[in-house]
């Protein structure tokens, strides 16, 4: 009788491990999709292709609820697994024993995503500066648009001076 209960518990734990591995594989698939989207966004930012930038941004925004749903599935799966565990039996195997290959893929994908996010952040800051200057030029073409230097009073001034006799400006 005791062997029947042990084997049923082993089956329950085995299915819990399989569920956890399945969730990790789903996470890996979403991470690969995010990597591809970030790569497309990088190319669009370098080319200043506004339509592709918008498409990439909406694609990445679409992935956020999918990651949230996957996170919720992981939490509910862990809660169900904890409910099935019996604290009096210390012989239950660890659920965090996944194949090494899967762990390496997850870590590699995570690192590539972080690198892509850093690069995209820098590219977006650069594009934002260009678009700000362009917007200001279109709003008022008579104002010079050079680098600003901050004053102690909190106001900024231009880093160059224009000579009154000629139109040339010097830094």
C-alpha atoms as a PDB file:
ATOM      1  CA  UNK A   1       0.000   0.000   0.000  1.00  0.00           C
ATOM      2  CA  UNK A   2       2.842   2.366   0.817  1.00  0.00           C
ATOM      3  CA  UNK A   3       4.451   1.785  -2.588  1.00  0.00           C
ATOM      4  CA  UNK A   4       1.210   2.792  -4.346  1.00  0.00           C
ATOM      5  CA  UNK A   5       1.117   6.145  -2.541  1.00  0.00           C
ATOM      6  CA  UNK A   6       4.817   6.764  -3.224  1.00  0.00           C
ATOM      7  CA  UNK A   7       4.415   6.017  -6.927  1.00  0.00           C
ATOM      8  CA  UNK A   8       1.379   8.317  -7.206  1.00  0.00           C
ATOM      9  CA  UNK A   9       3.344  11.072  -5.455  1.00  0.00           C
ATOM     10  CA  UNK A  10       6.270  10.477  -7.828  1.00  0.00           C
ATOM     11  CA  UNK A  11       3.920  10.777 -10.804  1.00  0.00           C
ATOM     12  CA  UNK A  12       2.486  14.033  -9.406  1.00  0.00           C
ATOM     13  CA  UNK A  13       5.979  15.428  -8.886  1.00  0.00           C
ATOM     14  CA  UNK A  14       7.074  14.272 -12.319  1.00  0.00           C
ATOM     15  CA  UNK A  15       4.150  16.070 -13.935  1.00  0.00           C
ATOM     16  CA  UNK A  16       4.940  19.152 -11.836  1.00  0.00           C
ATOM     17  CA  UNK A  17       8.520  19.077 -13.175  1.00  0.00           C
ATOM     18  CA  UNK A  18       7.219  18.664 -16.703  1.00  0.00           C
ATOM     19  CA  UNK A  19       4.838  21.602 -16.217  1.00  0.00           C
ATOM     20  CA  UNK A  20       7.670  23.754 -14.890  1.00  0.00           C
ATOM     21  CA  UNK A  21       9.890  22.823 -17.837  1.00  0.00           C
ATOM     22  CA  UNK A  22       7.037  23.542 -20.241  1.00  0.00           C
ATOM     23  CA  UNK A  23       6.582  26.994 -18.703  1.00  0.00           C
ATOM     24  CA  UNK A  24      10.309  27.651 -19.017  1.00  0.00           C
ATOM     25  CA  UNK A  25      10.232  26.657 -22.677  1.00  0.00           C
ATOM     26  CA  UNK A  26       7.283  29.019 -23.230  1.00  0.00           C
ATOM     27  CA  UNK A  27       9.294  31.754 -21.506  1.00  0.00           C
ATOM     28  CA  UNK A  28      12.249  31.009 -23.759  1.00  0.00           C
ATOM     29  CA  UNK A  29      10.033  31.261 -26.854  1.00  0.00           C
ATOM     30  CA  UNK A  30       8.743  34.661 -25.706  1.00  0.00           C
ATOM     31  CA  UNK A  31      12.291  35.785 -25.012  1.00  0.00           C
ATOM     32  CA  UNK A  32      13.373  34.762 -28.531  1.00  0.00           C
ATOM     33  CA  UNK A  33      10.439  36.724 -29.933  1.00  0.00           C
ATOM     34  CA  UNK A  34      11.439  39.768 -27.867  1.00  0.00           C
ATOM     35  CA  UNK A  35      15.035  39.447 -29.101  1.00  0.00           C
ATOM     36  CA  UNK A  36      13.860  39.453 -32.716  1.00  0.00           C
ATOM     37  CA  UNK A  37      11.622  42.449 -32.094  1.00  0.00           C
ATOM     38  CA  UNK A  38      14.435  44.397 -30.436  1.00  0.00           C
ATOM     39  CA  UNK A  39      16.762  43.595 -33.334  1.00  0.00           C
ATOM     40  CA  UNK A  40      14.158  44.884 -35.802  1.00  0.00           C
ATOM     41  CA  UNK A  41      13.712  48.018 -33.700  1.00  0.00           C
ATOM     42  CA  UNK A  42      17.463  48.571 -33.634  1.00  0.00           C
ATOM     43  CA  UNK A  43      17.646  48.436 -37.411  1.00  0.00           C
ATOM     44  CA  UNK A  44      14.675  50.804 -37.682  1.00  0.00           C
ATOM     45  CA  UNK A  45      16.234  53.268 -35.220  1.00  0.00           C
ATOM     46  CA  UNK A  46      19.531  53.284 -37.076  1.00  0.00           C
ATOM     47  CA  UNK A  47      17.691  53.899 -40.350  1.00  0.00           C
ATOM     48  CA  UNK A  48      15.296  56.389 -38.660  1.00  0.00           C
ATOM     49  CA  UNK A  49      12.370  54.492 -40.194  1.00  0.00           C
ATOM     50  CA  UNK A  50       9.443  55.818 -38.145  1.00  0.00           C
ATOM     51  CA  UNK A  51       6.935  53.227 -39.410  1.00  0.00           C
ATOM     52  CA  UNK A  52       9.211  50.346 -38.415  1.00  0.00           C
ATOM     53  CA  UNK A  53       9.996  51.984 -35.071  1.00  0.00           C
ATOM     54  CA  UNK A  54       6.274  52.211 -34.342  1.00  0.00           C
ATOM     55  CA  UNK A  55       5.732  48.626 -35.475  1.00  0.00           C
ATOM     56  CA  UNK A  56       8.533  47.356 -33.236  1.00  0.00           C
ATOM     57  CA  UNK A  57       7.253  49.335 -30.280  1.00  0.00           C
ATOM     58  CA  UNK A  58       3.731  47.962 -30.668  1.00  0.00           C
ATOM     59  CA  UNK A  59       5.146  44.444 -31.032  1.00  0.00           C
ATOM     60  CA  UNK A  60       7.120  44.850 -27.806  1.00  0.00           C
ATOM     61  CA  UNK A  61       4.064  46.311 -26.049  1.00  0.00           C
ATOM     62  CA  UNK A  62       2.087  43.251 -27.182  1.00  0.00           C
ATOM     63  CA  UNK A  63       4.647  40.979 -25.521  1.00  0.00           C
ATOM     64  CA  UNK A  64       4.204  42.606 -22.090  1.00  0.00           C
ATOM     65  CA  UNK A  65       0.770  41.052 -21.372  1.00  0.00           C
ATOM     66  CA  UNK A  66       2.033  37.713 -22.680  1.00  0.00           C
ATOM     67  CA  UNK A  67       4.948  37.809 -20.216  1.00  0.00           C
ATOM     68  CA  UNK A  68       2.507  38.814 -17.441  1.00  0.00           C
ATOM     69  CA  UNK A  69       0.183  35.912 -18.310  1.00  0.00           C
ATOM     70  CA  UNK A  70       3.114  33.501 -18.312  1.00  0.00           C
ATOM     71  CA  UNK A  71       4.266  34.842 -14.946  1.00  0.00           C
ATOM     72  CA  UNK A  72       0.771  34.308 -13.536  1.00  0.00           C
ATOM     73  CA  UNK A  73       0.753  30.729 -14.892  1.00  0.00           C
ATOM     74  CA  UNK A  74       4.119  30.122 -13.196  1.00  0.00           C
ATOM     75  CA  UNK A  75       2.828  31.485  -9.897  1.00  0.00           C
ATOM     76  CA  UNK A  76      -0.338  29.403  -9.988  1.00  0.00           C
ATOM     77  CA  UNK A  77       1.643  26.310 -10.962  1.00  0.00           C
ATOM     78  CA  UNK A  78       4.029  26.825  -8.036  1.00  0.00           C
ATOM     79  CA  UNK A  79       1.115  27.329  -5.656  1.00  0.00           C
ATOM     80  CA  UNK A  80      -0.485  24.108  -6.884  1.00  0.00           C
ATOM     81  CA  UNK A  81       2.812  22.265  -6.538  1.00  0.00           C
ATOM     82  CA  UNK A  82       3.269  23.534  -2.971  1.00  0.00           C
ATOM     83  CA  UNK A  83      -0.247  22.385  -2.090  1.00  0.00           C
ATOM     84  CA  UNK A  84       0.609  18.888  -3.318  1.00  0.00           C
ATOM     85  CA  UNK A  85       3.893  18.707  -1.377  1.00  0.00           C
ATOM     86  CA  UNK A  86       3.893  17.196   2.070  1.00  0.00           C
ATOM     87  CA  UNK A  87       6.290  18.917   4.482  1.00  0.00           C
ATOM     88  CA  UNK A  88       6.676  15.744   6.580  1.00  0.00           C
ATOM     89  CA  UNK A  89       8.400  13.973   3.670  1.00  0.00           C
ATOM     90  CA  UNK A  90      11.873  15.431   3.056  1.00  0.00           C
ATOM     91  CA  UNK A  91      12.559  13.028   0.153  1.00  0.00           C
ATOM     92  CA  UNK A  92      10.696  15.094  -2.470  1.00  0.00           C
ATOM     93  CA  UNK A  93      12.985  16.099  -5.368  1.00  0.00           C
ATOM     94  CA  UNK A  94      13.746  19.724  -6.131  1.00  0.00           C
ATOM     95  CA  UNK A  95      11.525  21.223  -8.822  1.00  0.00           C
ATOM     96  CA  UNK A  96      14.317  23.554  -9.977  1.00  0.00           C
ATOM     97  CA  UNK A  97      16.345  20.799 -11.621  1.00  0.00           C
ATOM     98  CA  UNK A  98      15.994  21.663 -15.289  1.00  0.00           C
ATOM     99  CA  UNK A  99      18.216  20.556 -18.135  1.00  0.00           C
ATOM    100  CA  UNK A 100      21.484  22.468 -18.246  1.00  0.00           C
ATOM    101  CA  UNK A 101      20.916  23.256 -21.917  1.00  0.00           C
ATOM    102  CA  UNK A 102      17.645  25.029 -21.106  1.00  0.00           C
ATOM    103  CA  UNK A 103      19.273  27.082 -18.338  1.00  0.00           C
ATOM    104  CA  UNK A 104      22.097  28.122 -20.681  1.00  0.00           C
ATOM    105  CA  UNK A 105      19.637  29.138 -23.391  1.00  0.00           C
ATOM    106  CA  UNK A 106      17.632  31.206 -20.900  1.00  0.00           C
ATOM    107  CA  UNK A 107      20.725  32.966 -19.543  1.00  0.00           C
ATOM    108  CA  UNK A 108      22.066  33.644 -23.036  1.00  0.00           C
ATOM    109  CA  UNK A 109      18.745  35.022 -24.216  1.00  0.00           C
ATOM    110  CA  UNK A 110      18.437  37.175 -21.102  1.00  0.00           C
ATOM    111  CA  UNK A 111      21.904  38.650 -21.662  1.00  0.00           C
ATOM    112  CA  UNK A 112      21.198  39.367 -25.346  1.00  0.00           C
ATOM    113  CA  UNK A 113      17.914  41.061 -24.419  1.00  0.00           C
ATOM    114  CA  UNK A 114      19.632  43.239 -21.815  1.00  0.00           C
ATOM    115  CA  UNK A 115      22.319  44.232 -24.327  1.00  0.00           C
ATOM    116  CA  UNK A 116      19.672  45.007 -26.954  1.00  0.00           C
ATOM    117  CA  UNK A 117      17.709  47.099 -24.434  1.00  0.00           C
ATOM    118  CA  UNK A 118      20.796  49.126 -23.518  1.00  0.00           C
ATOM    119  CA  UNK A 119      21.535  49.756 -27.182  1.00  0.00           C
ATOM    120  CA  UNK A 120      17.917  50.628 -27.949  1.00  0.00           C
ATOM    121  CA  UNK A 121      17.843  53.061 -25.038  1.00  0.00           C
ATOM    122  CA  UNK A 122      20.914  54.850 -26.374  1.00  0.00           C
ATOM    123  CA  UNK A 123      19.530  54.916 -29.914  1.00  0.00           C
ATOM    124  CA  UNK A 124      16.197  56.262 -28.703  1.00  0.00           C
ATOM    125  CA  UNK A 125      17.931  59.031 -26.750  1.00  0.00           C
ATOM    126  CA  UNK A 126      19.896  59.977 -29.854  1.00  0.00           C
ATOM    127  CA  UNK A 127      16.777  59.943 -32.036  1.00  0.00           C
ATOM    128  CA  UNK A 128      14.862  61.957 -29.458  1.00  0.00           C
ATOM    129  CA  UNK A 129      17.528  64.660 -29.540  1.00  0.00           C
ATOM    130  CA  UNK A 130      17.422  64.797 -33.338  1.00  0.00           C
ATOM    131  CA  UNK A 131      13.651  64.987 -33.377  1.00  0.00           C
ATOM    132  CA  UNK A 132      13.619  67.714 -30.712  1.00  0.00           C
ATOM    133  CA  UNK A 133      15.973  69.875 -32.793  1.00  0.00           C
ATOM    134  CA  UNK A 134      13.928  69.200 -35.928  1.00  0.00           C
ATOM    135  CA  UNK A 135      10.693  70.076 -34.124  1.00  0.00           C
ATOM    136  CA  UNK A 136      12.175  73.298 -32.777  1.00  0.00           C
ATOM    137  CA  UNK A 137      13.485  74.258 -36.202  1.00  0.00           C
ATOM    138  CA  UNK A 138      10.069  73.709 -37.741  1.00  0.00           C
ATOM    139  CA  UNK A 139       8.395  75.690 -34.957  1.00  0.00           C
ATOM    140  CA  UNK A 140      10.655  78.762 -35.160  1.00  0.00           C
ATOM    141  CA  UNK A 141      13.391  78.850 -37.827  1.00  0.00           C
ATOM    142  CA  UNK A 142      14.849  82.141 -36.506  1.00  0.00           C
ATOM    143  CA  UNK A 143      16.224  80.693 -33.259  1.00  0.00           C
ATOM    144  CA  UNK A 144      19.725  79.141 -33.272  1.00  0.00           C
ATOM    145  CA  UNK A 145      19.752  75.507 -32.170  1.00  0.00           C
ATOM    146  CA  UNK A 146      23.130  74.761 -30.685  1.00  0.00           C
ATOM    147  CA  UNK A 147      24.245  72.932 -27.561  1.00  0.00           C
ATOM    148  CA  UNK A 148      23.008  74.502 -24.342  1.00  0.00           C
ATOM    149  CA  UNK A 149      25.152  75.146 -21.287  1.00  0.00           C
ATOM    150  CA  UNK A 150      23.524  75.203 -17.886  1.00  0.00           C
ATOM    151  CA  UNK A 151      23.999  78.231 -15.688  1.00  0.00           C
ATOM    152  CA  UNK A 152      24.050  78.285 -11.919  1.00  0.00           C
ATOM    153  CA  UNK A 153      20.689  80.083 -11.985  1.00  0.00           C
ATOM    154  CA  UNK A 154      19.071  77.056 -13.614  1.00  0.00           C
ATOM    155  CA  UNK A 155      18.660  78.732 -16.985  1.00  0.00           C
ATOM    156  CA  UNK A 156      20.533  77.594 -20.036  1.00  0.00           C
ATOM    157  CA  UNK A 157      22.386  79.584 -22.663  1.00  0.00           C
ATOM    158  CA  UNK A 158      23.798  78.684 -26.038  1.00  0.00           C
ATOM    159  CA  UNK A 159      27.382  77.539 -26.229  1.00  0.00           C
ATOM    160  CA  UNK A 160      28.151  79.725 -29.237  1.00  0.00           C
ATOM    161  CA  UNK A 161      27.999  83.401 -30.050  1.00  0.00           C
ATOM    162  CA  UNK A 162      26.911  84.915 -33.325  1.00  0.00           C
ATOM    163  CA  UNK A 163      28.749  87.939 -34.635  1.00  0.00           C
ATOM    164  CA  UNK A 164      26.502  90.838 -35.490  1.00  0.00           C
ATOM    165  CA  UNK A 165      28.475  91.783 -38.647  1.00  0.00           C
ATOM    166  CA  UNK A 166      28.335  88.317 -40.301  1.00  0.00           C
ATOM    167  CA  UNK A 167      26.069  85.284 -40.259  1.00  0.00           C
ATOM    168  CA  UNK A 168      28.828  82.881 -39.310  1.00  0.00           C
ATOM    169  CA  UNK A 169      28.697  81.361 -35.866  1.00  0.00           C
ATOM    170  CA  UNK A 170      31.580  79.950 -33.908  1.00  0.00           C
ATOM    171  CA  UNK A 171      31.638  77.584 -30.989  1.00  0.00           C
END
